[in-house]
Amino acid sequence: LGWNTLAAIGLVESEHGTMNGSVIGRNGIAVPRIIGIPLD
């Protein structure tokens, strides 16, 4: 597994944890939490 594959998934899934104004802090936690729409 290449690091670049994980990075590509991170980009597509959540823009590296920055989707909808979220930020990954130095402690590694995304805030605010990233939660998608209901799969209804």
Full PDB file with SEQRES, HELIX, SHEET, SSBOND, CRYST1, ORIGX, SCALE, CONECT and MASTER records, all heavy atoms in Angstrom:
SEQRES   1 A   40  LEU GLY TRP ASN THR LEU ALA ALA ILE GLY LEU VAL GLU          
SEQRES   2 A   40  SER GLU HIS GLY THR MET ASN GLY SER VAL ILE GLY ARG          
SEQRES   3 A   40  ASN GLY ILE ALA VAL PRO ARG ILE ILE GLY ILE PRO LEU          
SEQRES   4 A   40  ASP                                                          
HELIX    1 AA1 TRP A    3  SER A   14  1                                  12    
HELIX    2 AA2 MET A   19  GLY A   21  5                                   3    
CRYST1    1.000    1.000    1.000  90.00  90.00  90.00 P 1           1          
ORIGX1      1.000000  0.000000  0.000000        0.00000                         
ORIGX2      0.000000  1.000000  0.000000        0.00000                         
ORIGX3      0.000000  0.000000  1.000000        0.00000                         
SCALE1      1.000000  0.000000  0.000000        0.00000                         
SCALE2      0.000000  1.000000  0.000000        0.00000                         
SCALE3      0.000000  0.000000  1.000000        0.00000                         
ATOM      1  N   LEU A   1       0.832  -1.202   0.000  1.00  0.00           N  
ATOM      2  CA  LEU A   1       0.000   0.000   0.000  1.00  0.00           C  
ATOM      3  C   LEU A   1       0.864   1.248   0.000  1.00  0.00           C  
ATOM      4  O   LEU A   1       1.776   1.388   0.814  1.00  0.00           O  
ATOM      5  CB  LEU A   1      -0.910  -0.006   1.235  1.00  0.00           C  
ATOM      6  CG  LEU A   1      -1.756   1.251   1.456  1.00  0.00           C  
ATOM      7  CD1 LEU A   1      -2.786   1.416   0.338  1.00  0.00           C  
ATOM      8  CD2 LEU A   1      -2.443   1.195   2.818  1.00  0.00           C  
ATOM      9  N   GLY A   2       0.572   2.177  -0.902  1.00  0.00           N  
ATOM     10  CA  GLY A   2       1.296   3.436  -0.952  1.00  0.00           C  
ATOM     11  C   GLY A   2       0.634   4.514  -0.118  1.00  0.00           C  
ATOM     12  O   GLY A   2      -0.592   4.578  -0.018  1.00  0.00           O  
ATOM     13  N   TRP A   3       1.448   5.383   0.472  1.00  0.00           N  
ATOM     14  CA  TRP A   3       0.909   6.512   1.232  1.00  0.00           C  
ATOM     15  C   TRP A   3       0.023   7.375   0.340  1.00  0.00           C  
ATOM     16  O   TRP A   3      -0.968   7.969   0.801  1.00  0.00           O  
ATOM     17  CB  TRP A   3       2.052   7.363   1.799  1.00  0.00           C  
ATOM     18  CG  TRP A   3       2.808   8.123   0.733  1.00  0.00           C  
ATOM     19  CD1 TRP A   3       3.916   7.717   0.053  1.00  0.00           C  
ATOM     20  CD2 TRP A   3       2.464   9.420   0.201  1.00  0.00           C  
ATOM     21  NE1 TRP A   3       4.285   8.661  -0.876  1.00  0.00           N  
ATOM     22  CE2 TRP A   3       3.425   9.724  -0.800  1.00  0.00           C  
ATOM     23  CE3 TRP A   3       1.466  10.351   0.466  1.00  0.00           C  
ATOM     24  CZ2 TRP A   3       3.401  10.917  -1.528  1.00  0.00           C  
ATOM     25  CZ3 TRP A   3       1.438  11.542  -0.261  1.00  0.00           C  
ATOM     26  CH2 TRP A   3       2.399  11.814  -1.247  1.00  0.00           C  
ATOM     27  N   ASN A   4       0.380   7.434  -0.949  1.00  0.00           N  
ATOM     28  CA  ASN A   4      -0.356   8.304  -1.865  1.00  0.00           C  
ATOM     29  C   ASN A   4      -1.781   7.820  -2.096  1.00  0.00           C  
ATOM     30  O   ASN A   4      -2.691   8.618  -2.343  1.00  0.00           O  
ATOM     31  CB  ASN A   4       0.379   8.415  -3.201  1.00  0.00           C  
ATOM     32  CG  ASN A   4       0.635   7.064  -3.843  1.00  0.00           C  
ATOM     33  OD1 ASN A   4       1.185   6.160  -3.227  1.00  0.00           O  
ATOM     34  ND2 ASN A   4       0.230   6.909  -5.085  1.00  0.00           N  
ATOM     35  N   THR A   5      -2.009   6.501  -1.984  1.00  0.00           N  
ATOM     36  CA  THR A   5      -3.371   5.989  -2.112  1.00  0.00           C  
ATOM     37  C   THR A   5      -4.222   6.410  -0.918  1.00  0.00           C  
ATOM     38  O   THR A   5      -5.364   6.853  -1.065  1.00  0.00           O  
ATOM     39  CB  THR A   5      -3.360   4.458  -2.250  1.00  0.00           C  
ATOM     40  OG1 THR A   5      -2.776   4.105  -3.503  1.00  0.00           O  
ATOM     41  CG2 THR A   5      -4.773   3.887  -2.197  1.00  0.00           C  
ATOM     42  N   LEU A   6      -3.656   6.302   0.287  1.00  0.00           N  
ATOM     43  CA  LEU A   6      -4.383   6.753   1.473  1.00  0.00           C  
ATOM     44  C   LEU A   6      -4.648   8.255   1.407  1.00  0.00           C  
ATOM     45  O   LEU A   6      -5.740   8.725   1.747  1.00  0.00           O  
ATOM     46  CB  LEU A   6      -3.583   6.422   2.736  1.00  0.00           C  
ATOM     47  CG  LEU A   6      -3.502   4.948   3.119  1.00  0.00           C  
ATOM     48  CD1 LEU A   6      -2.534   4.763   4.282  1.00  0.00           C  
ATOM     49  CD2 LEU A   6      -4.875   4.396   3.487  1.00  0.00           C  
ATOM     50  N   ALA A   7      -3.661   9.013   0.952  1.00  0.00           N  
ATOM     51  CA  ALA A   7      -3.841  10.459   0.839  1.00  0.00           C  
ATOM     52  C   ALA A   7      -4.912  10.804  -0.185  1.00  0.00           C  
ATOM     53  O   ALA A   7      -5.714  11.729   0.023  1.00  0.00           O  
ATOM     54  CB  ALA A   7      -2.523  11.123   0.463  1.00  0.00           C  
ATOM     55  N   ALA A   8      -4.962  10.056  -1.270  1.00  0.00           N  
ATOM     56  CA  ALA A   8      -5.980  10.312  -2.294  1.00  0.00           C  
ATOM     57  C   ALA A   8      -7.378  10.039  -1.759  1.00  0.00           C  
ATOM     58  O   ALA A   8      -8.320  10.809  -2.003  1.00  0.00           O  
ATOM     59  CB  ALA A   8      -5.712   9.446  -3.524  1.00  0.00           C  
ATOM     60  N   ILE A   9      -7.531   8.959  -0.990  1.00  0.00           N  
ATOM     61  CA  ILE A   9      -8.827   8.668  -0.386  1.00  0.00           C  
ATOM     62  C   ILE A   9      -9.187   9.753   0.622  1.00  0.00           C  
ATOM     63  O   ILE A   9     -10.327  10.226   0.676  1.00  0.00           O  
ATOM     64  CB  ILE A   9      -8.812   7.276   0.270  1.00  0.00           C  
ATOM     65  CG1 ILE A   9      -8.750   6.197  -0.816  1.00  0.00           C  
ATOM     66  CG2 ILE A   9     -10.040   7.070   1.150  1.00  0.00           C  
ATOM     67  CD1 ILE A   9      -8.565   4.793  -0.285  1.00  0.00           C  
ATOM     68  N   GLY A  10      -8.209  10.181   1.421  1.00  0.00           N  
ATOM     69  CA  GLY A  10      -8.468  11.249   2.378  1.00  0.00           C  
ATOM     70  C   GLY A  10      -8.911  12.533   1.712  1.00  0.00           C  
ATOM     71  O   GLY A  10      -9.773  13.264   2.231  1.00  0.00           O  
ATOM     72  N   LEU A  11      -8.340  12.827   0.539  1.00  0.00           N  
ATOM     73  CA  LEU A  11      -8.740  14.023  -0.208  1.00  0.00           C  
ATOM     74  C   LEU A  11     -10.181  13.892  -0.697  1.00  0.00           C  
ATOM     75  O   LEU A  11     -11.005  14.794  -0.507  1.00  0.00           O  
ATOM     76  CB  LEU A  11      -7.807  14.225  -1.401  1.00  0.00           C  
ATOM     77  CG  LEU A  11      -8.229  15.319  -2.386  1.00  0.00           C  
ATOM     78  CD1 LEU A  11      -8.144  16.694  -1.729  1.00  0.00           C  
ATOM     79  CD2 LEU A  11      -7.384  15.270  -3.652  1.00  0.00           C  
ATOM     80  N   VAL A  12     -10.488  12.769  -1.335  1.00  0.00           N  
ATOM     81  CA  VAL A  12     -11.813  12.590  -1.924  1.00  0.00           C  
ATOM     82  C   VAL A  12     -12.894  12.488  -0.844  1.00  0.00           C  
ATOM     83  O   VAL A  12     -13.996  13.027  -0.995  1.00  0.00           O  
ATOM     84  CB  VAL A  12     -11.831  11.340  -2.839  1.00  0.00           C  
ATOM     85  CG1 VAL A  12     -13.227  11.054  -3.342  1.00  0.00           C  
ATOM     86  CG2 VAL A  12     -10.872  11.545  -4.021  1.00  0.00           C  
ATOM     87  N   GLU A  13     -12.584  11.825   0.250  1.00  0.00           N  
ATOM     88  CA  GLU A  13     -13.588  11.607   1.283  1.00  0.00           C  
ATOM     89  C   GLU A  13     -13.889  12.846   2.116  1.00  0.00           C  
ATOM     90  O   GLU A  13     -15.043  13.119   2.426  1.00  0.00           O  
ATOM     91  CB  GLU A  13     -13.152  10.466   2.213  1.00  0.00           C  
ATOM     92  CG  GLU A  13     -13.153   9.090   1.569  1.00  0.00           C  
ATOM     93  CD  GLU A  13     -14.546   8.582   1.271  1.00  0.00           C  
ATOM     94  OE1 GLU A  13     -15.535   9.237   1.637  1.00  0.00           O  
ATOM     95  OE2 GLU A  13     -14.659   7.510   0.658  1.00  0.00           O  
ATOM     96  N   SER A  14     -12.844  13.579   2.510  1.00  0.00           N  
ATOM     97  CA  SER A  14     -13.100  14.693   3.443  1.00  0.00           C  
ATOM     98  C   SER A  14     -12.175  15.881   3.253  1.00  0.00           C  
ATOM     99  O   SER A  14     -12.072  16.735   4.124  1.00  0.00           O  
ATOM    100  CB  SER A  14     -12.950  14.199   4.888  1.00  0.00           C  
ATOM    101  OG  SER A  14     -11.583  13.968   5.206  1.00  0.00           O  
ATOM    102  N   GLU A  15     -11.486  15.931   2.106  1.00  0.00           N  
ATOM    103  CA  GLU A  15     -10.524  17.006   1.864  1.00  0.00           C  
ATOM    104  C   GLU A  15      -9.506  17.060   3.003  1.00  0.00           C  
ATOM    105  O   GLU A  15      -9.185  18.111   3.544  1.00  0.00           O  
ATOM    106  CB  GLU A  15     -11.242  18.347   1.680  1.00  0.00           C  
ATOM    107  CG  GLU A  15     -12.202  18.344   0.500  1.00  0.00           C  
ATOM    108  CD  GLU A  15     -13.095  19.579   0.440  1.00  0.00           C  
ATOM    109  OE1 GLU A  15     -12.809  20.549   1.173  1.00  0.00           O  
ATOM    110  OE2 GLU A  15     -14.069  19.555  -0.318  1.00  0.00           O  
ATOM    111  N   HIS A  16      -9.017  15.891   3.362  1.00  0.00           N  
ATOM    112  CA  HIS A  16      -8.026  15.726   4.425  1.00  0.00           C  
ATOM    113  C   HIS A  16      -8.528  16.260   5.763  1.00  0.00           C  
ATOM    114  O   HIS A  16      -7.790  16.901   6.523  1.00  0.00           O  
ATOM    115  CB  HIS A  16      -6.699  16.404   4.055  1.00  0.00           C  
ATOM    116  CG  HIS A  16      -6.119  15.946   2.763  1.00  0.00           C  
ATOM    117  ND1 HIS A  16      -5.856  14.617   2.502  1.00  0.00           N  
ATOM    118  CD2 HIS A  16      -5.775  16.638   1.635  1.00  0.00           C  
ATOM    119  CE1 HIS A  16      -5.336  14.513   1.276  1.00  0.00           C  
ATOM    120  NE2 HIS A  16      -5.294  15.705   0.740  1.00  0.00           N  
ATOM    121  N   GLY A  17      -9.790  15.972   6.026  1.00  0.00           N  
ATOM    122  CA  GLY A  17     -10.350  16.368   7.314  1.00  0.00           C  
ATOM    123  C   GLY A  17     -10.765  17.813   7.416  1.00  0.00           C  
ATOM    124  O   GLY A  17     -11.038  18.299   8.518  1.00  0.00           O  
ATOM    125  N   THR A  18     -10.872  18.511   6.278  1.00  0.00           N  
ATOM    126  CA  THR A  18     -11.250  19.925   6.315  1.00  0.00           C  
ATOM    127  C   THR A  18     -12.646  20.186   5.741  1.00  0.00           C  
ATOM    128  O   THR A  18     -13.050  21.335   5.616  1.00  0.00           O  
ATOM    129  CB  THR A  18     -10.228  20.777   5.530  1.00  0.00           C  
ATOM    130  OG1 THR A  18     -10.285  20.441   4.139  1.00  0.00           O  
ATOM    131  CG2 THR A  18      -8.822  20.554   6.054  1.00  0.00           C  
ATOM    132  N   MET A  19     -13.367  19.119   5.404  1.00  0.00           N  
ATOM    133  CA  MET A  19     -14.683  19.270   4.804  1.00  0.00           C  
ATOM    134  C   MET A  19     -15.634  19.999   5.760  1.00  0.00           C  
ATOM    135  O   MET A  19     -15.633  19.754   6.967  1.00  0.00           O  
ATOM    136  CB  MET A  19     -15.242  17.900   4.442  1.00  0.00           C  
ATOM    137  CG  MET A  19     -16.555  17.919   3.690  1.00  0.00           C  
ATOM    138  SD  MET A  19     -16.981  16.250   3.084  1.00  0.00           S  
ATOM    139  CE  MET A  19     -17.381  15.418   4.618  1.00  0.00           C  
ATOM    140  N   ASN A  20     -16.434  20.890   5.203  1.00  0.00           N  
ATOM    141  CA  ASN A  20     -17.450  21.631   5.967  1.00  0.00           C  
ATOM    142  C   ASN A  20     -16.865  22.387   7.150  1.00  0.00           C  
ATOM    143  O   ASN A  20     -17.491  22.501   8.204  1.00  0.00           O  
ATOM    144  CB  ASN A  20     -18.555  20.689   6.440  1.00  0.00           C  
ATOM    145  CG  ASN A  20     -19.298  20.038   5.294  1.00  0.00           C  
ATOM    146  OD1 ASN A  20     -19.414  20.612   4.208  1.00  0.00           O  
ATOM    147  ND2 ASN A  20     -19.804  18.831   5.507  1.00  0.00           N  
ATOM    148  N   GLY A  21     -15.655  22.905   6.963  1.00  0.00           N  
ATOM    149  CA  GLY A  21     -15.053  23.734   7.998  1.00  0.00           C  
ATOM    150  C   GLY A  21     -14.352  22.982   9.102  1.00  0.00           C  
ATOM    151  O   GLY A  21     -13.877  23.593  10.070  1.00  0.00           O  
ATOM    152  N   SER A  22     -14.263  21.674   8.996  1.00  0.00           N  
ATOM    153  CA  SER A  22     -13.570  20.904  10.027  1.00  0.00           C  
ATOM    154  C   SER A  22     -12.065  21.079   9.901  1.00  0.00           C  
ATOM    155  O   SER A  22     -11.546  21.426   8.839  1.00  0.00           O  
ATOM    156  CB  SER A  22     -13.938  19.422   9.911  1.00  0.00           C  
ATOM    157  OG  SER A  22     -13.394  18.683  10.972  1.00  0.00           O  
ATOM    158  N   VAL A  23     -11.364  20.861  11.000  1.00  0.00           N  
ATOM    159  CA  VAL A  23      -9.903  20.957  11.026  1.00  0.00           C  
ATOM    160  C   VAL A  23      -9.365  19.813  11.875  1.00  0.00           C  
ATOM    161  O   VAL A  23      -9.926  19.497  12.929  1.00  0.00           O  
ATOM    162  CB  VAL A  23      -9.437  22.304  11.626  1.00  0.00           C  
ATOM    163  CG1 VAL A  23      -7.921  22.332  11.761  1.00  0.00           C  
ATOM    164  CG2 VAL A  23      -9.903  23.474  10.776  1.00  0.00           C  
ATOM    165  N   ILE A  24      -8.277  19.201  11.415  1.00  0.00           N  
ATOM    166  CA  ILE A  24      -7.605  18.178  12.219  1.00  0.00           C  
ATOM    167  C   ILE A  24      -6.580  18.879  13.093  1.00  0.00           C  
ATOM    168  O   ILE A  24      -5.631  19.493  12.597  1.00  0.00           O  
ATOM    169  CB  ILE A  24      -6.932  17.121  11.342  1.00  0.00           C  
ATOM    170  CG1 ILE A  24      -7.987  16.325  10.563  1.00  0.00           C  
ATOM    171  CG2 ILE A  24      -6.089  16.172  12.188  1.00  0.00           C  
ATOM    172  CD1 ILE A  24      -7.424  15.321   9.596  1.00  0.00           C  
ATOM    173  N   GLY A  25      -6.777  18.803  14.395  1.00  0.00           N  
ATOM    174  CA  GLY A  25      -5.880  19.465  15.326  1.00  0.00           C  
ATOM    175  C   GLY A  25      -4.576  18.720  15.508  1.00  0.00           C  
ATOM    176  O   GLY A  25      -4.372  17.625  14.970  1.00  0.00           O  
ATOM    177  N   ARG A  26      -3.679  19.284  16.276  1.00  0.00           N  
ATOM    178  CA  ARG A  26      -2.390  18.644  16.547  1.00  0.00           C  
ATOM    179  C   ARG A  26      -2.583  17.302  17.236  1.00  0.00           C  
ATOM    180  O   ARG A  26      -1.748  16.412  17.122  1.00  0.00           O  
ATOM    181  CB  ARG A  26      -1.524  19.559  17.410  1.00  0.00           C  
ATOM    182  CG  ARG A  26      -1.101  20.838  16.689  1.00  0.00           C  
ATOM    183  CD  ARG A  26      -0.232  21.698  17.573  1.00  0.00           C  
ATOM    184  NE  ARG A  26       1.027  21.024  17.906  1.00  0.00           N  
ATOM    185  CZ  ARG A  26       1.942  21.544  18.732  1.00  0.00           C  
ATOM    186  NH1 ARG A  26       1.725  22.718  19.317  1.00  0.00           N  
ATOM    187  NH2 ARG A  26       3.067  20.875  18.981  1.00  0.00           N  
ATOM    188  N   ASN A  27      -3.713  17.159  17.955  1.00  0.00           N  
ATOM    189  CA  ASN A  27      -4.001  15.886  18.618  1.00  0.00           C  
ATOM    190  C   ASN A  27      -4.573  14.842  17.662  1.00  0.00           C  
ATOM    191  O   ASN A  27      -4.853  13.708  18.062  1.00  0.00           O  
ATOM    192  CB  ASN A  27      -4.965  16.093  19.785  1.00  0.00           C  
ATOM    193  CG  ASN A  27      -6.339  16.594  19.349  1.00  0.00           C  
ATOM    194  OD1 ASN A  27      -6.571  16.840  18.164  1.00  0.00           O  
ATOM    195  ND2 ASN A  27      -7.236  16.753  20.295  1.00  0.00           N  
ATOM    196  N   GLY A  28      -4.766  15.222  16.391  1.00  0.00           N  
ATOM    197  CA  GLY A  28      -5.223  14.266  15.378  1.00  0.00           C  
ATOM    198  C   GLY A  28      -6.725  14.141  15.240  1.00  0.00           C  
ATOM    199  O   GLY A  28      -7.204  13.395  14.381  1.00  0.00           O  
ATOM    200  N   ILE A  29      -7.480  14.879  16.020  1.00  0.00           N  
ATOM    201  CA  ILE A  29      -8.941  14.745  15.993  1.00  0.00           C  
ATOM    202  C   ILE A  29      -9.566  15.826  15.121  1.00  0.00           C  
ATOM    203  O   ILE A  29      -9.215  17.006  15.209  1.00  0.00           O  
ATOM    204  CB  ILE A  29      -9.507  14.797  17.407  1.00  0.00           C  
ATOM    205  CG1 ILE A  29      -8.902  13.668  18.203  1.00  0.00           C  
ATOM    206  CG2 ILE A  29     -11.009  14.815  17.406  1.00  0.00           C  
ATOM    207  CD1 ILE A  29      -9.580  13.176  19.378  1.00  0.00           C  
ATOM    208  N   ALA A  30     -10.496  15.402  14.257  1.00  0.00           N  
ATOM    209  CA  ALA A  30     -11.203  16.338  13.387  1.00  0.00           C  
ATOM    210  C   ALA A  30     -12.322  17.025  14.172  1.00  0.00           C  
ATOM    211  O   ALA A  30     -13.186  16.365  14.736  1.00  0.00           O  
ATOM    212  CB  ALA A  30     -11.786  15.602  12.189  1.00  0.00           C  
ATOM    213  N   VAL A  31     -12.291  18.365  14.173  1.00  0.00           N  
ATOM    214  CA  VAL A  31     -13.295  19.162  14.870  1.00  0.00           C  
ATOM    215  C   VAL A  31     -13.722  20.308  13.961  1.00  0.00           C  
ATOM    216  O   VAL A  31     -12.868  21.001  13.403  1.00  0.00           O  
ATOM    217  CB  VAL A  31     -12.734  19.731  16.197  1.00  0.00           C  
ATOM    218  CG1 VAL A  31     -13.771  20.611  16.885  1.00  0.00           C  
ATOM    219  CG2 VAL A  31     -12.274  18.619  17.121  1.00  0.00           C  
ATOM    220  N   PRO A  32     -15.047  20.546  13.806  1.00  0.00           N  
ATOM    221  CA  PRO A  32     -16.130  19.698  14.301  1.00  0.00           C  
ATOM    222  C   PRO A  32     -16.134  18.333  13.623  1.00  0.00           C  
ATOM    223  O   PRO A  32     -15.502  18.132  12.590  1.00  0.00           O  
ATOM    224  CB  PRO A  32     -17.390  20.489  13.962  1.00  0.00           C  
ATOM    225  CG  PRO A  32     -16.986  21.455  12.916  1.00  0.00           C  
ATOM    226  CD  PRO A  32     -15.537  21.706  13.060  1.00  0.00           C  
ATOM    227  N   ARG A  33     -16.846  17.405  14.236  1.00  0.00           N  
ATOM    228  CA  ARG A  33     -16.886  16.050  13.717  1.00  0.00           C  
ATOM    229  C   ARG A  33     -17.471  16.011  12.310  1.00  0.00           C  
ATOM    230  O   ARG A  33     -18.384  16.773  11.988  1.00  0.00           O  
ATOM    231  CB  ARG A  33     -17.705  15.160  14.647  1.00  0.00           C  
ATOM    232  CG  ARG A  33     -17.063  14.976  16.008  1.00  0.00           C  
ATOM    233  CD  ARG A  33     -17.889  14.091  16.896  1.00  0.00           C  
ATOM    234  NE  ARG A  33     -17.165  13.749  18.109  1.00  0.00           N  
ATOM    235  CZ  ARG A  33     -17.598  12.904  19.028  1.00  0.00           C  
ATOM    236  NH1 ARG A  33     -18.797  12.311  18.876  1.00  0.00           N  
ATOM    237  NH2 ARG A  33     -16.874  12.637  20.101  1.00  0.00           N  
ATOM    238  N   ILE A  34     -16.927  15.121  11.492  1.00  0.00           N  
ATOM    239  CA  ILE A  34     -17.361  14.983  10.102  1.00  0.00           C  
ATOM    240  C   ILE A  34     -18.338  13.811  10.014  1.00  0.00           C  
ATOM    241  O   ILE A  34     -17.948  12.654  10.194  1.00  0.00           O  
ATOM    242  CB  ILE A  34     -16.163  14.765   9.173  1.00  0.00           C  
ATOM    243  CG1 ILE A  34     -15.185  15.941   9.292  1.00  0.00           C  
ATOM    244  CG2 ILE A  34     -16.629  14.592   7.726  1.00  0.00           C  
ATOM    245  CD1 ILE A  34     -13.875  15.727   8.560  1.00  0.00           C  
ATOM    246  N   ILE A  35     -19.592  14.124   9.758  1.00  0.00           N  
ATOM    247  CA  ILE A  35     -20.634  13.100   9.668  1.00  0.00           C  
ATOM    248  C   ILE A  35     -21.450  13.350   8.408  1.00  0.00           C  
ATOM    249  O   ILE A  35     -21.929  14.471   8.176  1.00  0.00           O  
ATOM    250  CB  ILE A  35     -21.548  13.110  10.907  1.00  0.00           C  
ATOM    251  CG1 ILE A  35     -20.704  12.811  12.166  1.00  0.00           C  
ATOM    252  CG2 ILE A  35     -22.666  12.087  10.760  1.00  0.00           C  
ATOM    253  CD1 ILE A  35     -21.484  12.860  13.449  1.00  0.00           C  
ATOM    254  N   GLY A  36     -21.595  12.339   7.580  1.00  0.00           N  
ATOM    255  CA  GLY A  36     -22.290  12.476   6.309  1.00  0.00           C  
ATOM    256  C   GLY A  36     -23.800  12.492   6.442  1.00  0.00           C  
ATOM    257  O   GLY A  36     -24.355  12.413   7.544  1.00  0.00           O  
ATOM    258  N   ILE A  37     -24.457  12.567   5.304  1.00  0.00           N  
ATOM    259  CA  ILE A  37     -25.916  12.607   5.274  1.00  0.00           C  
ATOM    260  C   ILE A  37     -26.481  11.218   5.567  1.00  0.00           C  
ATOM    261  O   ILE A  37     -25.785  10.211   5.430  1.00  0.00           O  
ATOM    262  CB  ILE A  37     -26.434  13.100   3.908  1.00  0.00           C  
ATOM    263  CG1 ILE A  37     -26.074  12.082   2.808  1.00  0.00           C  
ATOM    264  CG2 ILE A  37     -25.888  14.470   3.586  1.00  0.00           C  
ATOM    265  CD1 ILE A  37     -26.745  12.385   1.481  1.00  0.00           C  
ATOM    266  N   PRO A  38     -27.734  11.140   5.981  1.00  0.00           N  
ATOM    267  CA  PRO A  38     -28.322   9.821   6.222  1.00  0.00           C  
ATOM    268  C   PRO A  38     -28.433   9.023   4.926  1.00  0.00           C  
ATOM    269  O   PRO A  38     -28.842   9.547   3.897  1.00  0.00           O  
ATOM    270  CB  PRO A  38     -29.706  10.147   6.798  1.00  0.00           C  
ATOM    271  CG  PRO A  38     -29.989  11.541   6.357  1.00  0.00           C  
ATOM    272  CD  PRO A  38     -28.661  12.231   6.288  1.00  0.00           C  
ATOM    273  N   LEU A  39     -28.050   7.765   4.984  1.00  0.00           N  
ATOM    274  CA  LEU A  39     -28.149   6.894   3.814  1.00  0.00           C  
ATOM    275  C   LEU A  39     -29.548   6.284   3.808  1.00  0.00           C  
ATOM    276  O   LEU A  39     -29.750   5.108   4.109  1.00  0.00           O  
ATOM    277  CB  LEU A  39     -27.059   5.829   3.870  1.00  0.00           C  
ATOM    278  CG  LEU A  39     -25.636   6.378   3.971  1.00  0.00           C  
ATOM    279  CD1 LEU A  39     -24.621   5.245   4.018  1.00  0.00           C  
ATOM    280  CD2 LEU A  39     -25.318   7.331   2.828  1.00  0.00           C  
ATOM    281  N   ASP A  40     -30.506   7.129   3.444  1.00  0.00           N  
ATOM    282  CA  ASP A  40     -31.922   6.777   3.592  1.00  0.00           C  
ATOM    283  C   ASP A  40     -32.595   6.373   2.297  1.00  0.00           C  
ATOM    284  O   ASP A  40     -33.811   6.204   2.240  1.00  0.00           O  
ATOM    285  CB  ASP A  40     -32.678   7.947   4.215  1.00  0.00           C  
ATOM    286  CG  ASP A  40     -32.579   9.230   3.389  1.00  0.00           C  
ATOM    287  OD1 ASP A  40     -32.019   9.195   2.275  1.00  0.00           O  
ATOM    288  OD2 ASP A  40     -33.071  10.273   3.868  1.00  0.00           O  
TER     289      ASP A  40                                                      
MASTER        0    0    0    2    0    0    0    6  288    1    0    4          
END                                                                             
